[in-house]
């Protein structure tokens, strides 16, 4: 499962792996190797349609709260 965000910074490491820093719509930042990055748009405008949630990874507690709210509404 992937995450969607805007590339904020790229660190070039000679003889090692290049690291890319990414920020999602909830202002959470994460870093990964450049080989794990797949560009799907320019800036904040995607070239493809995104599913519900727009590629934002929720924390375990946020997922739990969502499940509880959905179950309570049934």
C-alpha atoms as a PDB file:
ATOM      1  CA  UNK A   1       0.000   0.000   0.000  1.00  0.00           C
ATOM      2  CA  UNK A   2       1.395   3.383  -0.932  1.00  0.00           C
ATOM      3  CA  UNK A   3       1.179   6.924   0.285  1.00  0.00           C
ATOM      4  CA  UNK A   4       0.551  10.138  -1.618  1.00  0.00           C
ATOM      5  CA  UNK A   5       2.266  13.449  -0.973  1.00  0.00           C
ATOM      6  CA  UNK A   6       4.331  16.297  -2.351  1.00  0.00           C
ATOM      7  CA  UNK A   7       8.092  15.940  -2.718  1.00  0.00           C
ATOM      8  CA  UNK A   8       9.719  18.583  -0.538  1.00  0.00           C
ATOM      9  CA  UNK A   9      13.408  17.723  -0.639  1.00  0.00           C
ATOM     10  CA  UNK A  10      15.835  15.295  -2.251  1.00  0.00           C
ATOM     11  CA  UNK A  11      19.123  14.361  -0.572  1.00  0.00           C
ATOM     12  CA  UNK A  12      21.832  13.114  -2.907  1.00  0.00           C
ATOM     13  CA  UNK A  13      24.291  10.686  -1.329  1.00  0.00           C
ATOM     14  CA  UNK A  14      27.345   9.844  -3.400  1.00  0.00           C
ATOM     15  CA  UNK A  15      27.871   6.076  -3.442  1.00  0.00           C
ATOM     16  CA  UNK A  16      24.663   5.481  -1.484  1.00  0.00           C
ATOM     17  CA  UNK A  17      20.921   5.758  -1.802  1.00  0.00           C
ATOM     18  CA  UNK A  18      19.277   9.088  -2.596  1.00  0.00           C
ATOM     19  CA  UNK A  19      16.589  10.003  -0.045  1.00  0.00           C
ATOM     20  CA  UNK A  20      13.380  11.888  -0.873  1.00  0.00           C
ATOM     21  CA  UNK A  21      11.349  13.744   1.769  1.00  0.00           C
ATOM     22  CA  UNK A  22       7.593  13.834   1.155  1.00  0.00           C
ATOM     23  CA  UNK A  23       4.760  15.756   2.882  1.00  0.00           C
ATOM     24  CA  UNK A  24       1.124  14.577   2.743  1.00  0.00           C
ATOM     25  CA  UNK A  25      -2.058  16.686   2.942  1.00  0.00           C
ATOM     26  CA  UNK A  26      -2.147  16.360   6.749  1.00  0.00           C
ATOM     27  CA  UNK A  27       1.368  17.937   6.958  1.00  0.00           C
ATOM     28  CA  UNK A  28       2.944  14.653   8.006  1.00  0.00           C
ATOM     29  CA  UNK A  29       6.404  14.171   6.571  1.00  0.00           C
ATOM     30  CA  UNK A  30       8.163  10.936   5.710  1.00  0.00           C
ATOM     31  CA  UNK A  31      11.316   9.939   3.862  1.00  0.00           C
ATOM     32  CA  UNK A  32      12.040   7.081   1.487  1.00  0.00           C
ATOM     33  CA  UNK A  33      14.554   6.050  -1.149  1.00  0.00           C
ATOM     34  CA  UNK A  34      14.189   7.682  -4.542  1.00  0.00           C
ATOM     35  CA  UNK A  35      13.646   4.232  -6.113  1.00  0.00           C
ATOM     36  CA  UNK A  36      10.404   3.925  -4.113  1.00  0.00           C
ATOM     37  CA  UNK A  37       8.960   7.165  -5.539  1.00  0.00           C
ATOM     38  CA  UNK A  38       6.409   7.114  -8.364  1.00  0.00           C
ATOM     39  CA  UNK A  39       5.282  10.532  -9.631  1.00  0.00           C
ATOM     40  CA  UNK A  40       1.533  10.801 -10.362  1.00  0.00           C
ATOM     41  CA  UNK A  41       1.174  14.552 -10.817  1.00  0.00           C
ATOM     42  CA  UNK A  42       2.726  17.977 -10.610  1.00  0.00           C
ATOM     43  CA  UNK A  43       2.586  20.025  -7.401  1.00  0.00           C
ATOM     44  CA  UNK A  44      -0.631  19.202  -5.560  1.00  0.00           C
ATOM     45  CA  UNK A  45      -2.568  18.391  -8.769  1.00  0.00           C
ATOM     46  CA  UNK A  46      -2.649  14.631  -9.572  1.00  0.00           C
ATOM     47  CA  UNK A  47      -2.752  13.465 -13.202  1.00  0.00           C
ATOM     48  CA  UNK A  48      -4.915  10.500 -12.172  1.00  0.00           C
ATOM     49  CA  UNK A  49      -7.962  10.150  -9.945  1.00  0.00           C
ATOM     50  CA  UNK A  50      -7.238   9.097  -6.372  1.00  0.00           C
ATOM     51  CA  UNK A  51      -9.437   6.869  -4.192  1.00  0.00           C
ATOM     52  CA  UNK A  52     -11.255   8.042  -1.088  1.00  0.00           C
ATOM     53  CA  UNK A  53      -8.724   9.201   1.476  1.00  0.00           C
ATOM     54  CA  UNK A  54      -6.414  10.585  -1.234  1.00  0.00           C
ATOM     55  CA  UNK A  55      -3.535   8.269  -0.287  1.00  0.00           C
ATOM     56  CA  UNK A  56      -3.210   9.477   3.310  1.00  0.00           C
ATOM     57  CA  UNK A  57      -2.010   6.788   5.706  1.00  0.00           C
ATOM     58  CA  UNK A  58      -3.874   6.856   9.013  1.00  0.00           C
ATOM     59  CA  UNK A  59      -2.314   5.934  12.326  1.00  0.00           C
ATOM     60  CA  UNK A  60      -3.514   2.786  14.068  1.00  0.00           C
ATOM     61  CA  UNK A  61      -5.595   4.801  16.532  1.00  0.00           C
ATOM     62  CA  UNK A  62      -7.170   6.846  13.702  1.00  0.00           C
ATOM     63  CA  UNK A  63      -8.110   3.637  11.868  1.00  0.00           C
ATOM     64  CA  UNK A  64      -9.626   2.259  15.081  1.00  0.00           C
ATOM     65  CA  UNK A  65     -11.653   5.428  15.643  1.00  0.00           C
ATOM     66  CA  UNK A  66     -12.962   5.309  12.068  1.00  0.00           C
ATOM     67  CA  UNK A  67     -14.067   1.683  12.475  1.00  0.00           C
ATOM     68  CA  UNK A  68     -15.795   2.482  15.767  1.00  0.00           C
ATOM     69  CA  UNK A  69     -17.644   5.471  14.252  1.00  0.00           C
ATOM     70  CA  UNK A  70     -18.797   3.376  11.287  1.00  0.00           C
ATOM     71  CA  UNK A  71     -19.985   0.589  13.579  1.00  0.00           C
ATOM     72  CA  UNK A  72     -21.836   3.046  15.837  1.00  0.00           C
ATOM     73  CA  UNK A  73     -23.692   4.517  12.844  1.00  0.00           C
ATOM     74  CA  UNK A  74     -25.042   1.082  11.797  1.00  0.00           C
END
